[in-house]
Amino acid sequence: MILPLDPLIGYEDNVYELTCAAIRRAYQITVTGDEEIEDNHGKVVSTAIKQILTRKVVFRLEE
């Protein structure tokens, strides 16, 4: 499975922030590449969301 459903269902923070972080991470993956892309059959956005939900990538918002 590409997305871990339990963390996604249990996500209690701001979904808009998750979406913005996933968009930014997907862009980073597109530009630099990632070893997980081949495992996920080239699905960049799904890989980005998975990395954020599993805390492989941590995001923060700057004001």
Protein backbone atom coordinates (compact mmCIF):
# COMPACT_ATOMS: atom_id res chain seq x y z
CA MET A 1 0.00 0.00 0.00
CA ILE A 2 1.30 3.41 -0.93
CA LEU A 3 -0.36 5.51 1.79
CA PRO A 4 -0.44 4.48 5.43
CA LEU A 5 -4.15 4.81 6.19
CA ASP A 6 -4.01 4.71 9.99
CA PRO A 7 -1.88 7.89 10.32
CA LEU A 8 -3.97 9.58 7.62
CA ILE A 9 -7.26 8.78 9.37
CA GLY A 10 -5.86 9.72 12.77
CA TYR A 11 -4.30 12.98 11.54
CA GLU A 12 -5.66 15.68 13.84
CA ASP A 13 -3.57 18.66 12.78
CA ASN A 14 -4.47 21.17 10.11
CA VAL A 15 -5.21 19.34 6.86
CA TYR A 16 -4.47 22.48 4.85
CA GLU A 17 -0.94 22.53 6.29
CA LEU A 18 -0.54 18.84 5.41
CA THR A 19 -1.65 19.60 1.86
CA CYS A 20 0.78 22.52 1.51
CA ALA A 21 3.62 20.42 2.93
CA ALA A 22 2.80 17.56 0.55
CA ILE A 23 2.80 19.92 -2.44
CA ARG A 24 6.17 21.34 -1.44
CA ARG A 25 7.66 17.90 -0.76
CA ALA A 26 6.34 16.58 -4.08
CA TYR A 27 8.10 19.45 -5.82
CA GLN A 28 11.34 18.66 -3.97
CA ILE A 29 11.10 14.99 -4.92
CA THR A 30 10.47 15.91 -8.56
CA VAL A 31 13.55 18.13 -8.67
CA THR A 32 15.98 16.04 -6.61
CA GLY A 33 14.56 12.53 -6.79
CA ASP A 34 14.06 10.01 -4.01
CA GLU A 35 14.74 6.31 -3.59
CA GLU A 36 11.09 5.61 -2.68
CA ILE A 37 9.77 6.73 -6.08
CA GLU A 38 10.59 3.42 -7.73
CA ASP A 39 8.89 1.51 -4.90
CA ASN A 40 5.72 3.58 -5.44
CA HIS A 41 5.74 3.23 -9.24
CA GLY A 42 6.60 6.89 -9.82
CA LYS A 43 3.76 8.33 -7.72
CA VAL A 44 5.35 11.52 -6.41
CA VAL A 45 2.45 13.02 -4.43
CA SER A 46 1.63 9.74 -2.70
CA THR A 47 5.29 9.37 -1.76
CA ALA A 48 5.35 12.92 -0.37
CA ILE A 49 2.26 12.36 1.77
CA LYS A 50 3.62 9.04 3.03
CA GLN A 51 6.93 10.63 4.02
CA ILE A 52 5.15 13.39 5.95
CA LEU A 53 2.70 11.06 7.71
CA THR A 54 5.43 8.61 8.74
CA ARG A 55 7.61 11.52 9.91
CA LYS A 56 10.44 10.69 7.52
CA VAL A 57 10.17 14.33 6.48
CA VAL A 58 9.22 16.96 9.06
CA PHE A 59 7.77 20.29 7.97
CA ARG A 60 7.40 23.62 9.68
CA LEU A 61 5.68 26.81 8.67
CA GLU A 62 7.54 30.08 8.68
CA GLU A 63 5.71 33.31 9.22
